[in-house]
């Protein structure tokens, strides 16, 4: 535990109490000279708020702990719990202590309560974490939810988005701050006035994307505007990928979670602005719109990007909609991903309609299902395995793609996923989408020691009319999964969980004073948050050319 730069004062420390009273009087009455330097004044930290008595030690000394409730025991939870419960996760103790000093934050032990519908999941999360407790908690049980929220100062909800509104209303009722890593949707925005009236902050979008992307972007934009610059172009790329060593399959992609969400995201329409022209991409064409991308600082990464939903919304959020002629946000993948996924989509592998072959009591095999999709007459379930060459030729013949090279890549992917196997398809699968998700979850999972990678990259062109110059600003985050004691924490979990934990820490210390519904797009949030991310060891790089 780091030694705090602040003193804990017992009720019997009369001399020290008198000194503090004199110091506070000097601050309140600056005209009177009590011989206190500005630096000494700033070192005085008054923590106002409810605290829990955890234990009574020797004599009359009382040790107090603040508390945070984390709802949801998924992969993202553990990094947040570790950050709050102990400072041992920080890359540099000196850098961490500097963060505390710079932001006038007093490091006290934080009690972390992890609540999950399944107690075992919560217990696994807190294993090895000091000051952490696991509880069984159903957020649909209002009495139980209220009981645990009332015991803490801040709640972090890492539950599905649909549950946030339930938690938010309970936090408003009990006047407790809330942090989420999810988008601030319309239902959450409507709580603005209620949150203000309750005197609480609902801090949303405190993850990676959304989250760190906002912070890095707004720091660049605000700094440019402070220098009277005008944003000409804003482009942002972000992706969760396998590390190069783990990108060892034809798709060069793996899933940390159920692949259903990622597949659906690849079918969303997209809108962006390029050199003053607004472009719309239909969801069915998104994979085909992938563009080759090379980043100057990372020439070894063979990447491509796909447009990510409605980029124009971020022009409004960042306050650049009237000045930027280009506003683009893209999703990063390794090169070739889009053409393969686009081909699989045209084959029908992502169709959500119930498929006739999957309705009967007798289960079809993966091979039978593939033959059905490729319109190849089966010679019986015991026939020979279909070859890669045959699959590629059939893909071209049916015009699922025009390029022979792409057809071969798609065929390799299909075989890698095991669609040529004689294994029976699970009863739970009712559509091609279900079948594909099952196969991808099985075959495209990370092994216990494999690392994922998060890459976030912003490029901002800034015009300075007074000086008649243009600057190119870049900001990049590159993070890999971390393996410790044989256990790997994914980069995605780190870059989502750590910002959420930092948000809770800033609210605990009253560093965020704005009340209502908030995003991390204002300096009072992003300035200290980015500093803590650096102290944690996340690699944030900035450059101006």
Protein backbone atom coordinates (compact mmCIF):
# COMPACT_ATOMS: atom_id res chain seq x y z
CA UNK A 1 0.00 0.00 0.00
CA UNK A 2 1.35 3.43 -0.90
CA UNK A 3 1.95 5.86 1.89
CA UNK A 4 -0.68 8.55 1.57
CA UNK A 5 0.50 12.18 1.47
CA UNK A 6 -2.45 12.98 3.76
CA UNK A 7 -2.73 12.37 7.48
CA UNK A 8 -5.41 10.35 9.26
CA UNK A 9 -6.34 12.27 12.37
CA UNK A 10 -7.79 10.64 15.48
CA UNK A 11 -10.17 12.42 17.81
CA UNK A 12 -7.47 12.65 20.49
CA UNK A 13 -4.86 14.30 18.23
CA UNK A 14 -5.61 17.70 19.75
CA UNK A 15 -2.45 19.48 18.64
CA UNK A 16 -2.80 18.37 15.05
CA UNK A 17 -6.50 19.23 15.03
CA UNK A 18 -5.68 22.74 16.28
CA UNK A 19 -3.12 23.10 13.48
CA UNK A 20 -5.65 22.00 10.84
CA UNK A 21 -8.25 24.42 12.21
CA UNK A 22 -5.73 27.25 12.02
CA UNK A 23 -4.84 26.22 8.46
CA UNK A 24 -8.48 26.13 7.37
CA UNK A 25 -9.04 29.52 8.98
CA UNK A 26 -6.13 30.88 6.96
CA UNK A 27 -7.71 29.59 3.75
CA UNK A 28 -11.11 31.02 4.67
CA UNK A 29 -9.54 34.39 5.64
CA UNK A 30 -6.74 35.02 3.16
CA UNK A 31 -6.21 38.56 4.48
CA UNK A 32 -4.86 37.11 7.74
CA UNK A 33 -1.33 35.74 7.55
CA UNK A 34 -1.00 32.38 9.27
CA UNK A 35 2.31 31.58 7.60
CA UNK A 36 0.82 28.81 5.40
CA UNK A 37 2.24 28.43 1.89
CA UNK A 38 -0.02 27.87 -1.12
CA UNK A 39 1.43 24.38 -1.54
CA UNK A 40 0.58 23.50 2.04
CA UNK A 41 -2.95 24.82 1.57
CA UNK A 42 -3.45 22.64 -1.45
CA UNK A 43 -2.28 19.58 0.47
CA UNK A 44 -5.29 19.81 2.77
CA UNK A 45 -7.96 17.48 1.53
CA UNK A 46 -11.44 17.37 3.07
CA UNK A 47 -13.39 14.29 2.10
CA UNK A 48 -17.09 15.01 2.42
CA UNK A 49 -19.51 12.15 2.11
CA UNK A 50 -20.79 9.03 3.74
CA UNK A 51 -18.22 6.45 4.78
CA UNK A 52 -18.57 3.04 6.29
CA UNK A 53 -16.95 2.02 9.55
CA UNK A 54 -15.12 -1.17 8.78
CA UNK A 55 -13.37 -1.82 12.05
CA UNK A 56 -12.25 -0.21 15.30
CA UNK A 57 -8.57 -0.57 16.02
CA UNK A 58 -6.45 0.26 19.06
CA UNK A 59 -7.64 3.02 21.35
CA UNK A 60 -10.14 5.40 19.81
CA UNK A 61 -8.78 5.24 16.23
CA UNK A 62 -11.45 4.42 13.65
CA UNK A 63 -10.51 3.18 10.18
CA UNK A 64 -12.99 4.10 7.48
CA UNK A 65 -13.49 2.76 3.99
CA UNK A 66 -15.44 4.04 1.05
CA UNK A 67 -17.29 1.46 -1.00
CA UNK A 68 -18.14 0.77 -4.63
CA UNK A 69 -20.68 -1.73 -5.95
CA UNK A 70 -19.86 -3.37 -9.29
CA UNK A 71 -22.84 -5.04 -10.96
CA UNK A 72 -21.99 -7.80 -13.42
CA UNK A 73 -19.20 -10.37 -13.13
CA UNK A 74 -18.05 -10.63 -16.73
CA UNK A 75 -14.48 -10.31 -18.02
CA UNK A 76 -14.51 -6.51 -17.74
CA UNK A 77 -15.25 -6.58 -14.01
CA UNK A 78 -11.94 -7.82 -12.63
CA UNK A 79 -9.69 -4.99 -13.90
CA UNK A 80 -12.08 -2.42 -12.43
CA UNK A 81 -12.24 -4.26 -9.10
CA UNK A 82 -8.45 -4.58 -8.91
CA UNK A 83 -7.91 -0.91 -9.65
CA UNK A 84 -10.31 0.23 -6.94
CA UNK A 85 -9.34 -2.29 -4.26
CA UNK A 86 -5.58 -1.96 -4.55
CA UNK A 87 -3.01 0.30 -6.16
CA UNK A 88 -0.79 -2.70 -6.91
CA UNK A 89 -2.02 -2.90 -10.49
CA UNK A 90 -0.35 0.34 -11.47
CA UNK A 91 2.71 0.08 -13.66
CA UNK A 92 4.66 2.64 -11.63
CA UNK A 93 4.07 3.41 -7.97
CA UNK A 94 5.84 6.74 -8.45
CA UNK A 95 3.64 7.62 -11.42
CA UNK A 96 0.52 6.58 -9.51
CA UNK A 97 1.50 8.68 -6.51
CA UNK A 98 2.15 11.61 -8.84
CA UNK A 99 -1.41 11.20 -10.18
CA UNK A 100 -2.77 11.41 -6.66
CA UNK A 101 -0.65 14.48 -5.92
CA UNK A 102 -1.47 16.26 -9.19
CA UNK A 103 -5.21 15.72 -8.74
CA UNK A 104 -5.21 16.26 -4.96
CA UNK A 105 -6.66 12.79 -4.43
CA UNK A 106 -6.25 10.95 -1.16
CA UNK A 107 -5.78 7.21 -1.63
CA UNK A 108 -7.87 5.35 0.92
CA UNK A 109 -8.74 1.69 0.85
CA UNK A 110 -11.88 1.13 -1.19
CA UNK A 111 -14.19 -1.72 -0.36
CA UNK A 112 -15.42 -3.37 -3.56
CA UNK A 113 -18.66 -5.35 -3.65
CA UNK A 114 -19.16 -7.44 -6.79
CA UNK A 115 -22.77 -8.40 -7.37
CA UNK A 116 -23.82 -11.07 -9.84
CA UNK A 117 -26.91 -13.16 -10.47
CA UNK A 118 -24.65 -16.16 -9.93
CA UNK A 119 -22.56 -15.99 -6.76
CA UNK A 120 -19.89 -18.32 -8.16
CA UNK A 121 -19.11 -15.86 -10.97
CA UNK A 122 -18.64 -13.02 -8.49
CA UNK A 123 -16.44 -15.18 -6.26
CA UNK A 124 -14.18 -16.03 -9.20
CA UNK A 125 -13.80 -12.33 -10.01
CA UNK A 126 -12.67 -11.31 -6.51
CA UNK A 127 -10.25 -14.20 -5.99
CA UNK A 128 -6.94 -12.72 -4.85
CA UNK A 129 -8.30 -9.16 -4.61
CA UNK A 130 -8.10 -7.60 -1.14
CA UNK A 131 -11.02 -5.56 0.21
CA UNK A 132 -13.45 -7.29 -2.17
CA UNK A 133 -16.69 -9.13 -1.39
CA UNK A 134 -18.89 -11.27 -3.65
CA UNK A 135 -22.68 -11.20 -3.32
CA UNK A 136 -25.58 -12.81 -5.15
CA UNK A 137 -27.74 -10.04 -6.54
CA UNK A 138 -30.63 -9.91 -8.98
CA UNK A 139 -31.09 -6.34 -10.23
CA UNK A 140 -34.73 -7.12 -10.96
CA UNK A 141 -35.21 -7.53 -7.19
CA UNK A 142 -35.63 -3.87 -6.22
CA UNK A 143 -35.36 -4.48 -2.47
CA UNK A 144 -32.10 -6.40 -2.81
CA UNK A 145 -30.67 -3.92 -5.32
CA UNK A 146 -31.53 -0.98 -3.06
CA UNK A 147 -30.00 -2.70 -0.04
CA UNK A 148 -26.58 -2.97 -1.66
CA UNK A 149 -26.67 0.41 -3.42
CA UNK A 150 -27.44 2.09 -0.08
CA UNK A 151 -24.19 0.67 1.35
CA UNK A 152 -21.89 2.32 -1.20
CA UNK A 153 -20.97 5.72 -2.61
CA UNK A 154 -20.65 4.76 -6.29
CA UNK A 155 -22.16 2.02 -8.47
CA UNK A 156 -20.53 0.66 -11.63
CA UNK A 157 -22.97 -1.14 -13.91
CA UNK A 158 -21.32 -3.59 -16.29
CA UNK A 159 -24.63 -5.27 -17.03
CA UNK A 160 -26.34 -5.45 -20.44
CA UNK A 161 -27.45 -2.02 -21.63
CA UNK A 162 -31.12 -2.82 -21.03
CA UNK A 163 -30.44 -3.12 -17.28
CA UNK A 164 -28.78 0.29 -16.85
CA UNK A 165 -32.03 2.22 -16.60
CA UNK A 166 -33.17 0.02 -13.69
CA UNK A 167 -29.91 0.62 -11.85
CA UNK A 168 -29.93 4.34 -12.71
CA UNK A 169 -33.39 4.87 -11.23
CA UNK A 170 -32.35 3.09 -8.04
CA UNK A 171 -29.20 5.27 -7.83
CA UNK A 172 -31.31 8.41 -8.24
CA UNK A 173 -33.68 7.26 -5.52
CA UNK A 174 -30.80 6.57 -3.12
CA UNK A 175 -28.65 9.54 -4.27
CA UNK A 176 -25.65 7.46 -5.39
CA UNK A 177 -23.37 8.09 -8.37
CA UNK A 178 -23.40 5.66 -11.32
CA UNK A 179 -20.76 4.74 -13.91
CA UNK A 180 -21.35 2.67 -17.06
CA UNK A 181 -19.22 1.77 -20.07
CA UNK A 182 -22.23 1.80 -22.41
CA UNK A 183 -23.56 4.45 -24.79
CA UNK A 184 -25.76 7.12 -23.25
CA UNK A 185 -29.02 6.31 -25.02
CA UNK A 186 -32.26 8.30 -25.09
CA UNK A 187 -33.66 6.62 -21.97
CA UNK A 188 -30.53 7.50 -19.99
CA UNK A 189 -30.42 11.07 -21.32
CA UNK A 190 -33.98 11.59 -20.08
CA UNK A 191 -32.71 11.14 -16.50
CA UNK A 192 -30.66 14.36 -16.71
CA UNK A 193 -32.93 16.52 -14.53
CA UNK A 194 -33.71 13.73 -12.04
CA UNK A 195 -30.00 13.06 -11.58
CA UNK A 196 -29.30 16.75 -11.04
CA UNK A 197 -32.12 17.03 -8.50
CA UNK A 198 -30.71 14.01 -6.66
CA UNK A 199 -27.27 15.63 -6.67
CA UNK A 200 -25.65 12.68 -8.46
CA UNK A 201 -23.60 12.09 -11.57
CA UNK A 202 -24.46 9.36 -14.08
CA UNK A 203 -21.19 8.98 -15.97
CA UNK A 204 -21.76 6.95 -19.13
CA UNK A 205 -19.52 5.85 -22.01
CA UNK A 206 -16.60 5.26 -19.65
CA UNK A 207 -14.98 2.33 -21.44
CA UNK A 208 -12.91 1.98 -24.61
CA UNK A 209 -15.29 2.71 -27.47
CA UNK A 210 -17.12 4.62 -26.20
CA UNK A 211 -14.78 6.03 -23.57
CA UNK A 212 -11.06 6.35 -24.18
CA UNK A 213 -11.85 7.30 -27.78
CA UNK A 214 -13.85 10.31 -26.50
CA UNK A 215 -11.13 11.36 -24.08
CA UNK A 216 -8.28 11.24 -26.60
CA UNK A 217 -10.37 12.97 -29.27
CA UNK A 218 -11.60 15.80 -27.06
CA UNK A 219 -8.14 16.47 -25.65
CA UNK A 220 -6.82 16.97 -29.20
CA UNK A 221 -9.82 19.03 -30.32
CA UNK A 222 -9.91 21.24 -27.23
CA UNK A 223 -6.17 21.90 -27.44
CA UNK A 224 -6.49 22.81 -31.13
CA UNK A 225 -9.41 25.15 -30.45
CA UNK A 226 -7.49 26.77 -27.58
CA UNK A 227 -4.82 27.70 -30.14
CA UNK A 228 -7.53 29.13 -32.44
CA UNK A 229 -7.27 26.15 -34.78
CA UNK A 230 -10.09 24.89 -36.99
CA UNK A 231 -10.67 21.16 -37.41
CA UNK A 232 -10.55 20.28 -41.10
CA UNK A 233 -10.70 16.49 -40.76
CA UNK A 234 -11.36 13.98 -37.98
CA UNK A 235 -10.84 10.26 -38.58
CA UNK A 236 -10.88 7.58 -35.91
CA UNK A 237 -10.11 3.88 -36.14
CA UNK A 238 -10.63 1.34 -33.36
CA UNK A 239 -10.55 -2.43 -33.20
CA UNK A 240 -10.22 -5.36 -30.87
CA UNK A 241 -8.02 -7.89 -32.67
CA UNK A 242 -5.93 -10.96 -31.97
CA UNK A 243 -2.29 -10.12 -31.40
CA UNK A 244 -0.28 -10.97 -34.54
CA UNK A 245 0.85 -14.24 -32.94
CA UNK A 246 -2.76 -15.22 -32.18
CA UNK A 247 -4.13 -14.28 -35.62
CA UNK A 248 -3.53 -17.86 -36.71
CA UNK A 249 -6.65 -18.72 -38.70
CA UNK A 250 -7.86 -17.82 -42.22
CA UNK A 251 -10.07 -15.02 -40.90
CA UNK A 252 -7.25 -13.59 -38.75
CA UNK A 253 -9.85 -12.91 -36.08
CA UNK A 254 -11.00 -14.37 -32.75
CA UNK A 255 -13.81 -13.73 -30.31
CA UNK A 256 -13.54 -13.03 -26.59
CA UNK A 257 -17.33 -13.02 -26.29
CA UNK A 258 -20.24 -14.62 -28.12
CA UNK A 259 -19.72 -13.78 -31.82
CA UNK A 260 -23.39 -12.92 -32.41
CA UNK A 261 -22.93 -9.25 -31.50
CA UNK A 262 -19.89 -8.83 -33.74
CA UNK A 263 -21.63 -10.48 -36.70
CA UNK A 264 -24.71 -8.27 -36.29
CA UNK A 265 -22.48 -5.18 -36.07
CA UNK A 266 -21.10 -6.09 -39.49
CA UNK A 267 -24.59 -5.72 -40.94
CA UNK A 268 -25.31 -2.22 -39.59
CA UNK A 269 -25.65 0.65 -42.08
CA UNK A 270 -23.06 3.42 -41.84
CA UNK A 271 -22.92 7.15 -42.57
CA UNK A 272 -19.89 9.42 -42.70
CA UNK A 273 -18.61 12.63 -44.31
CA UNK A 274 -15.66 12.69 -46.69
CA UNK A 275 -14.34 16.00 -48.08
CA UNK A 276 -17.74 17.63 -47.62
CA UNK A 277 -19.77 14.77 -49.12
CA UNK A 278 -22.08 12.65 -46.95
CA UNK A 279 -21.87 8.96 -47.80
CA UNK A 280 -24.27 6.19 -46.78
CA UNK A 281 -23.39 2.49 -46.73
CA UNK A 282 -26.18 -0.08 -46.66
CA UNK A 283 -25.85 -2.79 -44.03
CA UNK A 284 -25.77 -5.53 -46.66
CA UNK A 285 -22.78 -3.82 -48.30
CA UNK A 286 -20.77 -2.99 -45.19
CA UNK A 287 -18.28 -5.86 -45.45
CA UNK A 288 -17.68 -5.04 -49.10
CA UNK A 289 -16.86 -1.43 -48.19
CA UNK A 290 -13.72 -2.42 -46.26
CA UNK A 291 -10.69 -0.35 -47.28
CA UNK A 292 -7.02 -1.28 -46.93
CA UNK A 293 -5.29 0.75 -44.20
CA UNK A 294 -1.67 1.21 -43.16
CA UNK A 295 -0.72 3.28 -40.12
CA UNK A 296 2.56 5.14 -40.45
CA UNK A 297 3.78 4.25 -36.95
CA UNK A 298 2.80 0.58 -37.29
CA UNK A 299 3.82 -0.50 -40.81
CA UNK A 300 3.89 -4.19 -39.87
CA UNK A 301 0.12 -4.25 -39.28
CA UNK A 302 -1.75 -5.22 -42.47
CA UNK A 303 -5.10 -3.64 -41.61
CA UNK A 304 -8.40 -2.65 -43.17
CA UNK A 305 -11.25 -0.56 -41.84
CA UNK A 306 -15.01 -0.71 -42.14
CA UNK A 307 -17.26 2.34 -41.55
CA UNK A 308 -18.71 2.26 -38.03
CA UNK A 309 -22.38 3.29 -37.91
CA UNK A 310 -23.24 7.00 -37.98
CA UNK A 311 -20.02 9.01 -37.73
CA UNK A 312 -21.86 12.33 -38.07
CA UNK A 313 -23.22 11.99 -34.54
CA UNK A 314 -19.68 12.49 -33.28
CA UNK A 315 -19.39 15.76 -35.14
CA UNK A 316 -22.16 17.03 -32.90
CA UNK A 317 -20.79 15.42 -29.71
CA UNK A 318 -17.30 16.83 -30.34
CA UNK A 319 -18.54 20.22 -31.49
CA UNK A 320 -16.92 20.04 -34.94
CA UNK A 321 -19.93 19.41 -37.20
CA UNK A 322 -19.77 22.94 -38.66
CA UNK A 323 -16.02 22.98 -39.35
CA UNK A 324 -14.88 19.47 -40.30
CA UNK A 325 -15.29 18.50 -43.95
CA UNK A 326 -14.34 14.88 -43.07
CA UNK A 327 -15.77 12.98 -40.10
CA UNK A 328 -15.14 9.25 -40.19
CA UNK A 329 -15.09 6.47 -37.58
CA UNK A 330 -14.00 3.02 -38.66
CA UNK A 331 -13.67 -0.48 -37.20
CA UNK A 332 -10.25 -2.11 -37.61
CA UNK A 333 -9.68 -5.65 -38.80
CA UNK A 334 -6.76 -7.45 -40.40
CA UNK A 335 -6.74 -7.23 -44.18
CA UNK A 336 -9.01 -9.77 -45.88
CA UNK A 337 -11.63 -9.93 -43.13
CA UNK A 338 -14.24 -7.93 -45.03
CA UNK A 339 -14.08 -9.91 -48.27
CA UNK A 340 -14.31 -13.24 -46.44
CA UNK A 341 -17.20 -12.17 -44.21
CA UNK A 342 -18.99 -10.60 -47.18
CA UNK A 343 -18.72 -13.90 -49.06
CA UNK A 344 -20.01 -15.89 -46.08
CA UNK A 345 -22.94 -13.47 -45.83
CA UNK A 346 -23.87 -14.00 -49.49
CA UNK A 347 -23.66 -17.77 -49.06
CA UNK A 348 -26.36 -17.32 -46.43
CA UNK A 349 -24.39 -18.17 -43.32
CA UNK A 350 -25.65 -15.12 -41.42
CA UNK A 351 -29.33 -15.53 -42.25
CA UNK A 352 -31.50 -15.35 -39.13
CA UNK A 353 -34.53 -17.02 -40.76
CA UNK A 354 -35.45 -20.48 -39.50
CA UNK A 355 -34.01 -23.03 -41.91
CA UNK A 356 -36.18 -26.04 -42.97
CA UNK A 357 -33.30 -28.49 -42.65
CA UNK A 358 -32.99 -27.62 -38.95
CA UNK A 359 -36.65 -28.18 -38.05
CA UNK A 360 -36.89 -31.96 -38.03
CA UNK A 361 -36.24 -34.25 -35.07
CA UNK A 362 -33.41 -35.88 -36.95
CA UNK A 363 -30.52 -33.45 -36.74
CA UNK A 364 -28.59 -32.46 -39.84
CA UNK A 365 -24.81 -32.55 -39.77
CA UNK A 366 -22.63 -29.52 -40.45
CA UNK A 367 -21.59 -31.12 -43.74
CA UNK A 368 -25.20 -31.66 -44.83
CA UNK A 369 -26.00 -28.06 -43.96
CA UNK A 370 -23.02 -26.75 -45.95
CA UNK A 371 -24.04 -28.80 -48.99
CA UNK A 372 -27.54 -27.32 -48.68
CA UNK A 373 -26.16 -23.75 -48.60
CA UNK A 374 -23.91 -24.43 -51.60
CA UNK A 375 -26.74 -26.22 -53.45
CA UNK A 376 -24.71 -29.40 -53.83
CA UNK A 377 -26.66 -32.64 -53.99
CA UNK A 378 -25.64 -34.89 -51.13
CA UNK A 379 -24.60 -38.47 -51.73
CA UNK A 380 -25.53 -39.37 -48.15
CA UNK A 381 -24.28 -38.47 -44.72
CA UNK A 382 -21.42 -40.95 -44.97
CA UNK A 383 -20.04 -39.49 -48.17
CA UNK A 384 -16.48 -38.14 -48.42
CA UNK A 385 -15.52 -34.80 -46.90
CA UNK A 386 -15.94 -31.94 -49.34
CA UNK A 387 -12.60 -30.45 -50.41
CA UNK A 388 -11.45 -26.83 -50.24
CA UNK A 389 -11.06 -26.71 -54.03
CA UNK A 390 -14.66 -27.88 -54.55
CA UNK A 391 -16.01 -25.28 -52.13
CA UNK A 392 -14.06 -22.45 -53.79
CA UNK A 393 -15.26 -23.44 -57.27
CA UNK A 394 -18.85 -23.65 -56.10
CA UNK A 395 -18.62 -20.17 -54.49
CA UNK A 396 -17.49 -18.69 -57.81
CA UNK A 397 -20.06 -20.66 -59.83
CA UNK A 398 -22.91 -19.37 -57.65
CA UNK A 399 -21.46 -15.83 -57.92
CA UNK A 400 -21.09 -15.41 -54.20
CA UNK A 401 -17.86 -13.65 -55.13
CA UNK A 402 -16.12 -12.80 -58.40
CA UNK A 403 -12.51 -13.19 -57.37
CA UNK A 404 -10.98 -16.66 -57.23
CA UNK A 405 -8.55 -15.60 -54.53
CA UNK A 406 -11.39 -14.44 -52.28
CA UNK A 407 -13.27 -17.70 -52.92
CA UNK A 408 -10.23 -19.70 -51.80
CA UNK A 409 -9.94 -17.62 -48.61
CA UNK A 410 -13.63 -18.15 -47.89
CA UNK A 411 -13.29 -21.90 -48.54
CA UNK A 412 -10.33 -22.12 -46.17
CA UNK A 413 -12.41 -20.32 -43.51
CA UNK A 414 -15.38 -22.64 -44.01
CA UNK A 415 -13.20 -25.72 -43.57
CA UNK A 416 -11.39 -24.21 -40.58
CA UNK A 417 -14.77 -23.64 -38.93
CA UNK A 418 -15.60 -27.31 -39.41
CA UNK A 419 -18.58 -26.96 -41.74
CA UNK A 420 -17.40 -30.03 -43.62
CA UNK A 421 -17.65 -32.25 -40.51
CA UNK A 422 -20.15 -35.08 -40.10
CA UNK A 423 -20.97 -33.86 -36.55
CA UNK A 424 -24.65 -33.23 -35.80
CA UNK A 425 -25.77 -29.62 -35.39
CA UNK A 426 -26.98 -28.80 -31.83
CA UNK A 427 -30.75 -28.70 -31.26
CA UNK A 428 -30.47 -25.04 -30.16
CA UNK A 429 -29.60 -24.00 -33.73
CA UNK A 430 -32.64 -23.00 -35.75
CA UNK A 431 -31.04 -20.74 -38.38
CA UNK A 432 -27.84 -20.44 -40.39
CA UNK A 433 -26.87 -17.55 -38.11
CA UNK A 434 -27.16 -19.84 -35.07
CA UNK A 435 -25.07 -22.54 -36.73
CA UNK A 436 -22.34 -20.08 -37.73
CA UNK A 437 -22.23 -18.55 -34.24
CA UNK A 438 -21.80 -21.98 -32.66
CA UNK A 439 -18.96 -22.87 -35.01
CA UNK A 440 -17.21 -19.50 -34.61
CA UNK A 441 -17.49 -19.60 -30.83
CA UNK A 442 -15.89 -23.06 -30.82
CA UNK A 443 -13.20 -22.57 -33.45
CA UNK A 444 -12.31 -18.86 -33.12
CA UNK A 445 -11.80 -18.72 -29.36
CA UNK A 446 -8.59 -17.63 -27.66
CA UNK A 447 -6.52 -20.28 -25.91
CA UNK A 448 -5.66 -19.64 -22.26
CA UNK A 449 -2.29 -18.03 -23.03
CA UNK A 450 -3.11 -16.22 -26.27
CA UNK A 451 -3.24 -12.44 -26.26
CA UNK A 452 -5.67 -10.09 -27.89
CA UNK A 453 -4.85 -6.55 -28.95
CA UNK A 454 -6.65 -3.21 -28.88
CA UNK A 455 -5.67 -0.51 -31.35
CA UNK A 456 -7.26 2.94 -31.25
CA UNK A 457 -5.98 5.64 -33.58
CA UNK A 458 -7.18 9.22 -34.17
CA UNK A 459 -6.01 11.51 -36.96
CA UNK A 460 -6.98 15.19 -36.84
CA UNK A 461 -6.07 17.80 -39.45
CA UNK A 462 -6.07 21.30 -37.96
CA UNK A 463 -5.96 24.55 -39.92
CA UNK A 464 -4.53 27.63 -38.23
CA UNK A 465 -5.78 30.53 -40.39
CA UNK A 466 -3.75 33.18 -38.56
CA UNK A 467 -0.47 31.39 -39.27
CA UNK A 468 -1.62 29.91 -42.60
CA UNK A 469 -0.43 26.45 -41.61
CA UNK A 470 -2.00 22.99 -41.25
CA UNK A 471 -0.95 20.49 -38.60
CA UNK A 472 -1.58 16.77 -38.52
CA UNK A 473 -2.31 15.54 -34.99
CA UNK A 474 -2.38 11.83 -34.13
CA UNK A 475 -3.21 9.99 -30.92
CA UNK A 476 -2.83 6.22 -30.55
CA UNK A 477 -3.55 3.58 -27.94
CA UNK A 478 -1.98 0.15 -28.43
CA UNK A 479 -2.60 -2.42 -25.73
CA UNK A 480 -2.07 -6.18 -25.55
CA UNK A 481 -3.61 -8.73 -23.21
CA UNK A 482 -1.58 -9.35 -20.07
CA UNK A 483 -0.66 -12.76 -18.68
CA UNK A 484 0.07 -13.05 -14.98
CA UNK A 485 0.46 -16.25 -12.96
CA UNK A 486 -0.82 -18.26 -15.90
CA UNK A 487 -3.99 -16.16 -16.25
CA UNK A 488 -4.53 -13.81 -19.16
CA UNK A 489 -6.57 -10.62 -18.88
CA UNK A 490 -7.65 -9.47 -22.32
CA UNK A 491 -6.74 -6.03 -23.64
CA UNK A 492 -10.44 -5.48 -24.26
CA UNK A 493 -11.28 -6.17 -20.61
CA UNK A 494 -8.49 -3.86 -19.46
CA UNK A 495 -9.41 -0.98 -21.73
CA UNK A 496 -13.10 -1.17 -20.80
CA UNK A 497 -12.81 -2.05 -17.10
CA UNK A 498 -10.01 0.33 -16.14
CA UNK A 499 -11.75 3.53 -17.39
CA UNK A 500 -14.92 2.49 -15.53
CA UNK A 501 -12.89 2.04 -12.35
CA UNK A 502 -11.18 5.40 -12.85
CA UNK A 503 -14.58 7.04 -13.30
CA UNK A 504 -15.69 5.62 -9.95
CA UNK A 505 -12.47 6.80 -8.28
CA UNK A 506 -12.92 10.35 -9.58
CA UNK A 507 -16.51 10.41 -8.30
CA UNK A 508 -15.47 9.01 -4.91
CA UNK A 509 -13.03 11.88 -4.53
CA UNK A 510 -15.51 14.49 -5.82
CA UNK A 511 -13.14 15.39 -8.67
CA UNK A 512 -16.14 15.34 -11.01
CA UNK A 513 -18.45 18.05 -9.73
CA UNK A 514 -20.88 18.24 -12.65
CA UNK A 515 -24.18 16.59 -11.82
CA UNK A 516 -26.62 14.99 -14.23
CA UNK A 517 -25.90 12.64 -17.15
CA UNK A 518 -22.32 13.04 -18.35
CA UNK A 519 -19.92 11.71 -20.97
CA UNK A 520 -16.10 11.85 -20.65
CA UNK A 521 -15.85 14.68 -23.20
CA UNK A 522 -15.13 17.48 -20.72
CA UNK A 523 -11.72 18.31 -19.19
CA UNK A 524 -12.83 17.65 -15.61
CA UNK A 525 -13.24 14.00 -16.63
CA UNK A 526 -10.77 13.33 -19.42
CA UNK A 527 -7.75 15.21 -18.01
CA UNK A 528 -7.37 13.18 -14.79
CA UNK A 529 -8.70 10.00 -16.43
CA UNK A 530 -6.06 10.02 -19.17
CA UNK A 531 -3.37 10.64 -16.57
CA UNK A 532 -4.51 7.61 -14.56
CA UNK A 533 -4.64 5.46 -17.71
CA UNK A 534 -0.99 6.32 -18.35
CA UNK A 535 -0.10 5.49 -14.75
CA UNK A 536 -1.80 2.14 -15.16
CA UNK A 537 0.59 1.42 -18.02
CA UNK A 538 -1.71 1.86 -21.02
CA UNK A 539 0.31 3.07 -23.99
CA UNK A 540 -1.12 6.43 -25.10
CA UNK A 541 0.93 8.13 -27.80
CA UNK A 542 0.46 11.62 -29.25
CA UNK A 543 2.24 13.30 -32.15
CA UNK A 544 1.98 16.61 -34.05
CA UNK A 545 3.49 17.04 -37.52
